[in-house]
Structure formats: C-alpha cells, structure tokens
C-alpha cells in the first residue's frame, strides 16, 4: 500500500493533508488553526510525520515521511531564526505615495 501525503503551507502556516480545493477557503474541512507561533506549528507537524514514519510498514513510505519531517524541521528552524534575528535582517524601505507612482 502506497501512502500519499500532500502538504500545503501558506504564509501563515496552515497544514492540510487533503486536496487543495477542500482547503482553499477559510474554515475548510481540513483546515487546522493553531494559537501557536509558526515554528511551533512546523515542529508539531514534524512530530506527526515522525509518528507516522514509525508506524509505516513500507520502506518507501518511511523515507517519504521522514523527508517531510526533515523539511518541516528545517522550516521551523528558519522561522525561529527569523524571529530571533529580526533586528539583524534587512527590511525594504517604505516608499511614500508620491514615489510609489513613479516606477524606476
């Protein structure tokens, strides 16, 4: 048996294991909202994939689930770094309304 896993991650992390149309709208049947920060959400989902990998029987499924776990862990690490180092990152300058009308 082949385990099909599809993950959709938006700018505001919202995870779905279903097809995009069912999760596209707010409050869709597979939409999960959390009151956690993005890194916490990514780590929680990574833990779910780790648990699924431990229960999978087929080697291909285990590899795929572990790949998803590593990907989510990397996303969590990156989000955490951005949160911790926001003062050290370069931000785009705000343009005034007059300058916004003049493309460069």
PDB file of N, CA and C in Angstrom:
ATOM      1  N   UNK A   1       0.845  -1.183   0.000  1.00  0.00           N
ATOM      2  CA  UNK A   1       0.000   0.000   0.000  1.00  0.00           C
ATOM      3  C   UNK A   1       0.887   1.241   0.000  1.00  0.00           C
ATOM      4  N   UNK A   2       0.600   2.152  -0.870  1.00  0.00           N
ATOM      5  CA  UNK A   2       1.367   3.390  -1.008  1.00  0.00           C
ATOM      6  C   UNK A   2       0.641   4.490  -0.251  1.00  0.00           C
ATOM      7  N   UNK A   3       1.347   5.201   0.593  1.00  0.00           N
ATOM      8  CA  UNK A   3       0.781   6.288   1.381  1.00  0.00           C
ATOM      9  C   UNK A   3       0.991   7.588   0.628  1.00  0.00           C
ATOM     10  N   UNK A   4      -0.087   8.241   0.262  1.00  0.00           N
ATOM     11  CA  UNK A   4       0.007   9.510  -0.446  1.00  0.00           C
ATOM     12  C   UNK A   4      -0.117  10.644   0.555  1.00  0.00           C
ATOM     13  N   UNK A   5       0.887  11.508   0.605  1.00  0.00           N
ATOM     14  CA  UNK A   5       0.884  12.631   1.527  1.00  0.00           C
ATOM     15  C   UNK A   5       1.125  13.893   0.728  1.00  0.00           C
ATOM     16  N   UNK A   6       0.231  14.838   0.860  1.00  0.00           N
ATOM     17  CA  UNK A   6       0.387  16.125   0.212  1.00  0.00           C
ATOM     18  C   UNK A   6       0.317  17.184   1.290  1.00  0.00           C
ATOM     19  N   UNK A   7       1.250  18.131   1.243  1.00  0.00           N
ATOM     20  CA  UNK A   7       1.294  19.156   2.269  1.00  0.00           C
ATOM     21  C   UNK A   7       1.235  20.520   1.605  1.00  0.00           C
ATOM     22  N   UNK A   8       0.389  21.369   2.092  1.00  0.00           N
ATOM     23  CA  UNK A   8       0.260  22.730   1.597  1.00  0.00           C
ATOM     24  C   UNK A   8       0.556  23.667   2.748  1.00  0.00           C
ATOM     25  N   UNK A   9       1.522  24.561   2.560  1.00  0.00           N
ATOM     26  CA  UNK A   9       1.892  25.505   3.603  1.00  0.00           C
ATOM     27  C   UNK A   9       1.779  26.899   3.016  1.00  0.00           C
ATOM     28  N   UNK A  10       1.024  27.759   3.669  1.00  0.00           N
ATOM     29  CA  UNK A  10       0.866  29.133   3.204  1.00  0.00           C
ATOM     30  C   UNK A  10       1.737  30.054   4.049  1.00  0.00           C
ATOM     31  N   UNK A  11       1.674  31.342   3.765  1.00  0.00           N
ATOM     32  CA  UNK A  11       2.467  32.313   4.511  1.00  0.00           C
ATOM     33  C   UNK A  11       2.146  32.220   6.002  1.00  0.00           C
ATOM     34  N   UNK A  12       0.898  32.052   6.322  1.00  0.00           N
ATOM     35  CA  UNK A  12       0.502  31.800   7.708  1.00  0.00           C
ATOM     36  C   UNK A  12       0.279  30.302   7.793  1.00  0.00           C
ATOM     37  N   UNK A  13       1.156  29.581   8.441  1.00  0.00           N
ATOM     38  CA  UNK A  13       1.115  28.131   8.363  1.00  0.00           C
ATOM     39  C   UNK A  13      -0.253  27.539   8.670  1.00  0.00           C
ATOM     40  N   UNK A  14      -0.732  26.809   7.702  1.00  0.00           N
ATOM     41  CA  UNK A  14      -1.994  26.115   7.798  1.00  0.00           C
ATOM     42  C   UNK A  14      -1.729  24.789   7.089  1.00  0.00           C
ATOM     43  N   UNK A  15      -1.860  23.696   7.741  1.00  0.00           N
ATOM     44  CA  UNK A  15      -1.468  22.428   7.172  1.00  0.00           C
ATOM     45  C   UNK A  15      -2.684  21.640   6.743  1.00  0.00           C
ATOM     46  N   UNK A  16      -2.538  20.940   5.645  1.00  0.00           N
ATOM     47  CA  UNK A  16      -3.643  20.177   5.114  1.00  0.00           C
ATOM     48  C   UNK A  16      -3.111  18.896   4.500  1.00  0.00           C
ATOM     49  N   UNK A  17      -3.790  17.823   4.750  1.00  0.00           N
ATOM     50  CA  UNK A  17      -3.420  16.550   4.147  1.00  0.00           C
ATOM     51  C   UNK A  17      -4.467  16.115   3.135  1.00  0.00           C
ATOM     52  N   UNK A  18      -5.174  17.062   2.551  1.00  0.00           N
ATOM     53  CA  UNK A  18      -6.196  16.764   1.563  1.00  0.00           C
ATOM     54  C   UNK A  18      -5.899  17.511   0.277  1.00  0.00           C
ATOM     55  N   UNK A  19      -6.810  17.462  -0.647  1.00  0.00           N
ATOM     56  CA  UNK A  19      -6.642  18.159  -1.916  1.00  0.00           C
ATOM     57  C   UNK A  19      -6.809  19.658  -1.709  1.00  0.00           C
ATOM     58  N   UNK A  20      -6.134  20.483  -2.537  1.00  0.00           N
ATOM     59  CA  UNK A  20      -6.197  21.941  -2.365  1.00  0.00           C
ATOM     60  C   UNK A  20      -7.597  22.535  -2.376  1.00  0.00           C
ATOM     61  N   UNK A  21      -8.530  22.088  -3.254  1.00  0.00           N
ATOM     62  CA  UNK A  21      -9.841  22.743  -3.259  1.00  0.00           C
ATOM     63  C   UNK A  21     -10.569  22.661  -1.930  1.00  0.00           C
ATOM     64  N   UNK A  22     -10.424  21.559  -1.212  1.00  0.00           N
ATOM     65  CA  UNK A  22     -11.149  21.427   0.044  1.00  0.00           C
ATOM     66  C   UNK A  22     -10.544  22.278   1.151  1.00  0.00           C
ATOM     67  N   UNK A  23      -9.315  22.752   0.951  1.00  0.00           N
ATOM     68  CA  UNK A  23      -8.648  23.532   1.986  1.00  0.00           C
ATOM     69  C   UNK A  23      -8.423  24.975   1.557  1.00  0.00           C
ATOM     70  N   UNK A  24      -8.849  25.322   0.358  1.00  0.00           N
ATOM     71  CA  UNK A  24      -8.545  26.645  -0.170  1.00  0.00           C
ATOM     72  C   UNK A  24      -9.256  27.753   0.588  1.00  0.00           C
ATOM     73  N   UNK A  25     -10.471  27.505   1.030  1.00  0.00           N
ATOM     74  CA  UNK A  25     -11.220  28.568   1.696  1.00  0.00           C
ATOM     75  C   UNK A  25     -11.005  28.517   3.197  1.00  0.00           C
ATOM     76  N   UNK A  26     -11.194  29.644   3.839  1.00  0.00           N
ATOM     77  CA  UNK A  26     -11.081  29.698   5.302  1.00  0.00           C
ATOM     78  C   UNK A  26     -12.127  28.777   5.906  1.00  0.00           C
ATOM     79  N   UNK A  27     -11.736  28.034   6.889  1.00  0.00           N
ATOM     80  CA  UNK A  27     -12.671  27.165   7.571  1.00  0.00           C
ATOM     81  C   UNK A  27     -13.030  25.922   6.797  1.00  0.00           C
ATOM     82  N   UNK A  28     -12.217  25.567   5.785  1.00  0.00           N
ATOM     83  CA  UNK A  28     -12.450  24.352   5.024  1.00  0.00           C
ATOM     84  C   UNK A  28     -12.430  23.143   5.941  1.00  0.00           C
ATOM     85  N   UNK A  29     -12.866  21.994   5.445  1.00  0.00           N
ATOM     86  CA  UNK A  29     -12.990  20.821   6.307  1.00  0.00           C
ATOM     87  C   UNK A  29     -11.669  20.304   6.858  1.00  0.00           C
ATOM     88  N   UNK A  30     -10.549  20.606   6.193  1.00  0.00           N
ATOM     89  CA  UNK A  30      -9.264  20.098   6.649  1.00  0.00           C
ATOM     90  C   UNK A  30      -8.347  21.213   7.126  1.00  0.00           C
ATOM     91  N   UNK A  31      -8.913  22.354   7.433  1.00  0.00           N
ATOM     92  CA  UNK A  31      -8.114  23.476   7.893  1.00  0.00           C
ATOM     93  C   UNK A  31      -7.941  23.383   9.399  1.00  0.00           C
ATOM     94  N   UNK A  32      -6.699  23.491   9.846  1.00  0.00           N
ATOM     95  CA  UNK A  32      -6.419  23.485  11.275  1.00  0.00           C
ATOM     96  C   UNK A  32      -5.826  24.831  11.652  1.00  0.00           C
ATOM     97  N   UNK A  33      -6.408  25.481  12.608  1.00  0.00           N
ATOM     98  CA  UNK A  33      -5.880  26.754  13.098  1.00  0.00           C
ATOM     99  C   UNK A  33      -5.272  26.514  14.468  1.00  0.00           C
ATOM    100  N   UNK A  34      -4.129  27.080  14.687  1.00  0.00           N
ATOM    101  CA  UNK A  34      -3.442  26.916  15.958  1.00  0.00           C
ATOM    102  C   UNK A  34      -3.197  28.281  16.580  1.00  0.00           C
ATOM    103  N   UNK A  35      -3.113  28.309  17.878  1.00  0.00           N
ATOM    104  CA  UNK A  35      -2.700  29.513  18.568  1.00  0.00           C
ATOM    105  C   UNK A  35      -1.249  29.356  18.987  1.00  0.00           C
ATOM    106  N   UNK A  36      -0.425  28.945  18.015  1.00  0.00           N
ATOM    107  CA  UNK A  36       0.994  28.749  18.257  1.00  0.00           C
ATOM    108  C   UNK A  36       1.759  29.579  17.237  1.00  0.00           C
ATOM    109  N   UNK A  37       3.020  29.810  17.531  1.00  0.00           N
ATOM    110  CA  UNK A  37       3.859  30.512  16.574  1.00  0.00           C
ATOM    111  C   UNK A  37       4.162  29.572  15.416  1.00  0.00           C
ATOM    112  N   UNK A  38       4.642  30.139  14.307  1.00  0.00           N
ATOM    113  CA  UNK A  38       4.952  29.339  13.126  1.00  0.00           C
ATOM    114  C   UNK A  38       5.958  28.227  13.429  1.00  0.00           C
ATOM    115  N   UNK A  39       7.068  28.507  14.138  1.00  0.00           N
ATOM    116  CA  UNK A  39       7.996  27.408  14.422  1.00  0.00           C
ATOM    117  C   UNK A  39       7.349  26.284  15.229  1.00  0.00           C
ATOM    118  N   UNK A  40       6.477  26.632  16.171  1.00  0.00           N
ATOM    119  CA  UNK A  40       5.804  25.610  16.972  1.00  0.00           C
ATOM    120  C   UNK A  40       4.875  24.760  16.094  1.00  0.00           C
ATOM    121  N   UNK A  41       4.194  25.425  15.150  1.00  0.00           N
ATOM    122  CA  UNK A  41       3.309  24.699  14.240  1.00  0.00           C
ATOM    123  C   UNK A  41       4.108  23.738  13.372  1.00  0.00           C
ATOM    124  N   UNK A  42       5.218  24.220  12.825  1.00  0.00           N
ATOM    125  CA  UNK A  42       6.050  23.359  11.985  1.00  0.00           C
ATOM    126  C   UNK A  42       6.590  22.179  12.788  1.00  0.00           C
ATOM    127  N   UNK A  43       7.023  22.426  14.020  1.00  0.00           N
ATOM    128  CA  UNK A  43       7.559  21.342  14.839  1.00  0.00           C
ATOM    129  C   UNK A  43       6.464  20.338  15.227  1.00  0.00           C
ATOM    130  N   UNK A  44       5.257  20.823  15.478  1.00  0.00           N
ATOM    131  CA  UNK A  44       4.150  19.924  15.799  1.00  0.00           C
ATOM    132  C   UNK A  44       3.829  19.028  14.608  1.00  0.00           C
ATOM    133  N   UNK A  45       3.808  19.607  13.415  1.00  0.00           N
ATOM    134  CA  UNK A  45       3.524  18.816  12.223  1.00  0.00           C
ATOM    135  C   UNK A  45       4.675  17.857  11.942  1.00  0.00           C
ATOM    136  N   UNK A  46       5.915  18.271  12.199  1.00  0.00           N
ATOM    137  CA  UNK A  46       7.071  17.384  12.019  1.00  0.00           C
ATOM    138  C   UNK A  46       6.964  16.185  12.957  1.00  0.00           C
ATOM    139  N   UNK A  47       6.506  16.418  14.173  1.00  0.00           N
ATOM    140  CA  UNK A  47       6.332  15.328  15.129  1.00  0.00           C
ATOM    141  C   UNK A  47       5.259  14.343  14.656  1.00  0.00           C
ATOM    142  N   UNK A  48       4.212  14.867  14.015  1.00  0.00           N
ATOM    143  CA  UNK A  48       3.179  13.986  13.465  1.00  0.00           C
ATOM    144  C   UNK A  48       3.768  13.097  12.372  1.00  0.00           C
ATOM    145  N   UNK A  49       4.590  13.690  11.499  1.00  0.00           N
ATOM    146  CA  UNK A  49       5.209  12.899  10.430  1.00  0.00           C
ATOM    147  C   UNK A  49       6.176  11.869  11.011  1.00  0.00           C
ATOM    148  N   UNK A  50       6.873  12.199  12.077  1.00  0.00           N
ATOM    149  CA  UNK A  50       7.770  11.238  12.725  1.00  0.00           C
ATOM    150  C   UNK A  50       6.972  10.056  13.264  1.00  0.00           C
ATOM    151  N   UNK A  51       5.835  10.342  13.863  1.00  0.00           N
ATOM    152  CA  UNK A  51       4.987   9.267  14.385  1.00  0.00           C
ATOM    153  C   UNK A  51       4.436   8.405  13.257  1.00  0.00           C
ATOM    154  N   UNK A  52       4.034   9.046  12.148  1.00  0.00           N
ATOM    155  CA  UNK A  52       3.552   8.279  11.002  1.00  0.00           C
ATOM    156  C   UNK A  52       4.659   7.398  10.428  1.00  0.00           C
ATOM    157  N   UNK A  53       5.879   7.920  10.400  1.00  0.00           N
ATOM    158  CA  UNK A  53       7.005   7.157   9.867  1.00  0.00           C
ATOM    159  C   UNK A  53       7.283   5.931  10.728  1.00  0.00           C
ATOM    160  N   UNK A  54       7.135   6.073  12.037  1.00  0.00           N
ATOM    161  CA  UNK A  54       7.367   4.932  12.927  1.00  0.00           C
ATOM    162  C   UNK A  54       6.335   3.840  12.719  1.00  0.00           C
ATOM    163  N   UNK A  55       5.123   4.222  12.306  1.00  0.00           N
ATOM    164  CA  UNK A  55       4.062   3.240  12.099  1.00  0.00           C
ATOM    165  C   UNK A  55       3.957   2.715  10.685  1.00  0.00           C
ATOM    166  N   UNK A  56       4.702   3.295   9.758  1.00  0.00           N
ATOM    167  CA  UNK A  56       4.634   2.856   8.363  1.00  0.00           C
ATOM    168  C   UNK A  56       5.373   1.540   8.182  1.00  0.00           C
ATOM    169  N   UNK A  57       4.870   0.728   7.245  1.00  0.00           N
ATOM    170  CA  UNK A  57       5.472  -0.583   7.019  1.00  0.00           C
ATOM    171  C   UNK A  57       6.412  -0.590   5.819  1.00  0.00           C
ATOM    172  N   UNK A  58       6.048   0.115   4.777  1.00  0.00           N
ATOM    173  CA  UNK A  58       6.839   0.102   3.545  1.00  0.00           C
ATOM    174  C   UNK A  58       8.041   1.040   3.661  1.00  0.00           C
ATOM    175  N   UNK A  59       9.216   0.579   3.254  1.00  0.00           N
ATOM    176  CA  UNK A  59      10.410   1.431   3.326  1.00  0.00           C
ATOM    177  C   UNK A  59      10.270   2.746   2.549  1.00  0.00           C
ATOM    178  N   UNK A  60       9.599   2.711   1.397  1.00  0.00           N
ATOM    179  CA  UNK A  60       9.416   3.934   0.604  1.00  0.00           C
ATOM    180  C   UNK A  60       8.566   4.949   1.361  1.00  0.00           C
ATOM    181  N   UNK A  61       7.542   4.453   2.054  1.00  0.00           N
ATOM    182  CA  UNK A  61       6.682   5.340   2.841  1.00  0.00           C
ATOM    183  C   UNK A  61       7.457   5.954   3.999  1.00  0.00           C
ATOM    184  N   UNK A  62       8.275   5.145   4.650  1.00  0.00           N
ATOM    185  CA  UNK A  62       9.076   5.648   5.767  1.00  0.00           C
ATOM    186  C   UNK A  62      10.006   6.754   5.298  1.00  0.00           C
ATOM    187  N   UNK A  63      10.673   6.532   4.162  1.00  0.00           N
ATOM    188  CA  UNK A  63      11.584   7.550   3.625  1.00  0.00           C
ATOM    189  C   UNK A  63      10.857   8.838   3.277  1.00  0.00           C
ATOM    190  N   UNK A  64       9.672   8.706   2.669  1.00  0.00           N
ATOM    191  CA  UNK A  64       8.904   9.892   2.292  1.00  0.00           C
ATOM    192  C   UNK A  64       8.455  10.681   3.525  1.00  0.00           C
ATOM    193  N   UNK A  65       7.974   9.982   4.534  1.00  0.00           N
ATOM    194  CA  UNK A  65       7.518  10.646   5.752  1.00  0.00           C
ATOM    195  C   UNK A  65       8.681  11.289   6.500  1.00  0.00           C
ATOM    196  N   UNK A  66       9.821  10.623   6.531  1.00  0.00           N
ATOM    197  CA  UNK A  66      10.998  11.213   7.172  1.00  0.00           C
ATOM    198  C   UNK A  66      11.482  12.437   6.411  1.00  0.00           C
ATOM    199  N   UNK A  67      11.346  12.422   5.090  1.00  0.00           N
ATOM    200  CA  UNK A  67      11.709  13.589   4.283  1.00  0.00           C
ATOM    201  C   UNK A  67      10.820  14.775   4.635  1.00  0.00           C
ATOM    202  N   UNK A  68       9.520  14.523   4.780  1.00  0.00           N
ATOM    203  CA  UNK A  68       8.598  15.594   5.179  1.00  0.00           C
ATOM    204  C   UNK A  68       8.935  16.107   6.575  1.00  0.00           C
ATOM    205  N   UNK A  69       9.292  15.202   7.467  1.00  0.00           N
ATOM    206  CA  UNK A  69       9.669  15.606   8.826  1.00  0.00           C
ATOM    207  C   UNK A  69      10.897  16.519   8.801  1.00  0.00           C
ATOM    208  N   UNK A  70      11.919  16.137   8.039  1.00  0.00           N
ATOM    209  CA  UNK A  70      13.135  16.962   7.946  1.00  0.00           C
ATOM    210  C   UNK A  70      12.831  18.327   7.329  1.00  0.00           C
ATOM    211  N   UNK A  71      11.972  18.339   6.322  1.00  0.00           N
ATOM    212  CA  UNK A  71      11.603  19.597   5.672  1.00  0.00           C
ATOM    213  C   UNK A  71      10.901  20.535   6.654  1.00  0.00           C
ATOM    214  N   UNK A  72       9.963  20.013   7.408  1.00  0.00           N
ATOM    215  CA  UNK A  72       9.240  20.832   8.380  1.00  0.00           C
ATOM    216  C   UNK A  72      10.144  21.292   9.512  1.00  0.00           C
ATOM    217  N   UNK A  73      11.079  20.448   9.911  1.00  0.00           N
ATOM    218  CA  UNK A  73      12.032  20.841  10.953  1.00  0.00           C
ATOM    219  C   UNK A  73      12.918  21.976  10.454  1.00  0.00           C
ATOM    220  N   UNK A  74      13.349  21.909   9.190  1.00  0.00           N
ATOM    221  CA  UNK A  74      14.152  22.989   8.620  1.00  0.00           C
ATOM    222  C   UNK A  74      13.341  24.282   8.545  1.00  0.00           C
ATOM    223  N   UNK A  75      12.078  24.183   8.158  1.00  0.00           N
ATOM    224  CA  UNK A  75      11.215  25.372   8.131  1.00  0.00           C
ATOM    225  C   UNK A  75      11.073  25.969   9.528  1.00  0.00           C
ATOM    226  N   UNK A  76      10.908  25.117  10.530  1.00  0.00           N
ATOM    227  CA  UNK A  76      10.793  25.597  11.911  1.00  0.00           C
ATOM    228  C   UNK A  76      12.069  26.298  12.350  1.00  0.00           C
ATOM    229  N   UNK A  77      13.208  25.704  12.016  1.00  0.00           N
ATOM    230  CA  UNK A  77      14.488  26.327  12.364  1.00  0.00           C
ATOM    231  C   UNK A  77      14.636  27.686  11.699  1.00  0.00           C
ATOM    232  N   UNK A  78      14.261  27.778  10.423  1.00  0.00           N
ATOM    233  CA  UNK A  78      14.361  29.052   9.697  1.00  0.00           C
ATOM    234  C   UNK A  78      13.423  30.103  10.266  1.00  0.00           C
ATOM    235  N   UNK A  79      12.196  29.714  10.556  1.00  0.00           N
ATOM    236  CA  UNK A  79      11.237  30.657  11.145  1.00  0.00           C
ATOM    237  C   UNK A  79      11.724  31.148  12.505  1.00  0.00           C
ATOM    238  N   UNK A  80      12.292  30.236  13.290  1.00  0.00           N
ATOM    239  CA  UNK A  80      12.804  30.616  14.603  1.00  0.00           C
ATOM    240  C   UNK A  80      13.963  31.580  14.465  1.00  0.00           C
ATOM    241  N   UNK A  81      14.856  31.318  13.510  1.00  0.00           N
ATOM    242  CA  UNK A  81      15.992  32.209  13.289  1.00  0.00           C
ATOM    243  C   UNK A  81      15.505  33.594  12.894  1.00  0.00           C
ATOM    244  N   UNK A  82      14.519  33.650  11.991  1.00  0.00           N
ATOM    245  CA  UNK A  82      13.976  34.951  11.574  1.00  0.00           C
ATOM    246  C   UNK A  82      13.358  35.694  12.752  1.00  0.00           C
ATOM    247  N   UNK A  83      12.641  34.985  13.595  1.00  0.00           N
ATOM    248  CA  UNK A  83      12.018  35.621  14.761  1.00  0.00           C
ATOM    249  C   UNK A  83      13.075  36.127  15.738  1.00  0.00           C
ATOM    250  N   UNK A  84      14.129  35.346  15.929  1.00  0.00           N
ATOM    251  CA  UNK A  84      15.179  35.723  16.878  1.00  0.00           C
ATOM    252  C   UNK A  84      16.092  36.824  16.347  1.00  0.00           C
ATOM    253  N   UNK A  85      16.201  36.961  15.043  1.00  0.00           N
ATOM    254  CA  UNK A  85      17.154  37.891  14.436  1.00  0.00           C
ATOM    255  C   UNK A  85      16.495  38.948  13.567  1.00  0.00           C
ATOM    256  N   UNK A  86      15.255  39.276  13.852  1.00  0.00           N
ATOM    257  CA  UNK A  86      14.540  40.250  13.031  1.00  0.00           C
ATOM    258  C   UNK A  86      15.257  41.596  13.009  1.00  0.00           C
ATOM    259  N   UNK A  87      15.887  41.959  14.120  1.00  0.00           N
ATOM    260  CA  UNK A  87      16.595  43.234  14.181  1.00  0.00           C
ATOM    261  C   UNK A  87      17.883  43.215  13.352  1.00  0.00           C
ATOM    262  N   UNK A  88      18.328  42.039  12.938  1.00  0.00           N
ATOM    263  CA  UNK A  88      19.563  41.918  12.169  1.00  0.00           C
ATOM    264  C   UNK A  88      19.312  41.727  10.676  1.00  0.00           C
ATOM    265  N   UNK A  89      18.048  41.674  10.271  1.00  0.00           N
ATOM    266  CA  UNK A  89      17.728  41.460   8.869  1.00  0.00           C
ATOM    267  C   UNK A  89      17.471  42.773   8.161  1.00  0.00           C
ATOM    268  N   UNK A  90      17.582  42.766   6.857  1.00  0.00           N
ATOM    269  CA  UNK A  90      17.368  43.959   6.044  1.00  0.00           C
ATOM    270  C   UNK A  90      15.888  44.019   5.681  1.00  0.00           C
ATOM    271  N   UNK A  91      15.279  45.168   5.888  1.00  0.00           N
ATOM    272  CA  UNK A  91      13.874  45.372   5.587  1.00  0.00           C
ATOM    273  C   UNK A  91      13.749  46.352   4.432  1.00  0.00           C
ATOM    274  N   UNK A  92      12.782  46.157   3.591  1.00  0.00           N
ATOM    275  CA  UNK A  92      12.550  47.066   2.473  1.00  0.00           C
ATOM    276  C   UNK A  92      12.139  48.431   3.017  1.00  0.00           C
ATOM    277  N   UNK A  93      12.644  49.470   2.383  1.00  0.00           N
ATOM    278  CA  UNK A  93      12.298  50.828   2.808  1.00  0.00           C
ATOM    279  C   UNK A  93      10.866  51.125   2.413  1.00  0.00           C
ATOM    280  N   UNK A  94      10.167  51.844   3.275  1.00  0.00           N
ATOM    281  CA  UNK A  94       8.805  52.243   2.959  1.00  0.00           C
ATOM    282  C   UNK A  94       8.861  53.389   1.969  1.00  0.00           C
ATOM    283  N   UNK A  95       8.056  53.296   0.933  1.00  0.00           N
ATOM    284  CA  UNK A  95       8.017  54.342  -0.089  1.00  0.00           C
ATOM    285  C   UNK A  95       6.820  55.245   0.174  1.00  0.00           C
ATOM    286  N   UNK A  96       7.008  56.531  -0.035  1.00  0.00           N
ATOM    287  CA  UNK A  96       5.880  57.437   0.143  1.00  0.00           C
ATOM    288  C   UNK A  96       4.961  57.347  -1.071  1.00  0.00           C
ATOM    289  N   UNK A  97       3.759  57.904  -0.956  1.00  0.00           N
ATOM    290  CA  UNK A  97       2.762  57.791  -2.022  1.00  0.00           C
ATOM    291  C   UNK A  97       3.228  58.457  -3.313  1.00  0.00           C
ATOM    292  N   UNK A  98       3.951  59.543  -3.236  1.00  0.00           N
ATOM    293  CA  UNK A  98       4.424  60.238  -4.430  1.00  0.00           C
ATOM    294  C   UNK A  98       5.434  59.375  -5.177  1.00  0.00           C
ATOM    295  N   UNK A  99       6.316  58.733  -4.456  1.00  0.00           N
ATOM    296  CA  UNK A  99       7.331  57.894  -5.098  1.00  0.00           C
ATOM    297  C   UNK A  99       6.732  56.610  -5.633  1.00  0.00           C
ATOM    298  N   UNK A 100       5.626  56.161  -5.044  1.00  0.00           N
ATOM    299  CA  UNK A 100       5.014  54.909  -5.491  1.00  0.00           C
ATOM    300  C   UNK A 100       4.456  55.009  -6.909  1.00  0.00           C
ATOM    301  N   UNK A 101       4.067  56.192  -7.313  1.00  0.00           N
ATOM    302  CA  UNK A 101       3.525  56.391  -8.661  1.00  0.00           C
ATOM    303  C   UNK A 101       4.588  56.459  -9.738  1.00  0.00           C
ATOM    304  N   UNK A 102       5.839  56.644  -9.368  1.00  0.00           N
ATOM    305  CA  UNK A 102       6.936  56.758 -10.335  1.00  0.00           C
ATOM    306  C   UNK A 102       7.767  55.485 -10.355  1.00  0.00           C
ATOM    307  N   UNK A 103       7.495  54.582 -11.319  1.00  0.00           N
ATOM    308  CA  UNK A 103       8.310  53.365 -11.379  1.00  0.00           C
ATOM    309  C   UNK A 103       9.724  53.686 -11.807  1.00  0.00           C
ATOM    310  N   UNK A 104      10.664  52.946 -11.300  1.00  0.00           N
ATOM    311  CA  UNK A 104      12.067  53.190 -11.626  1.00  0.00           C
ATOM    312  C   UNK A 104      12.498  52.428 -12.815  1.00  0.00           C
TER     313      UNK A 104
END
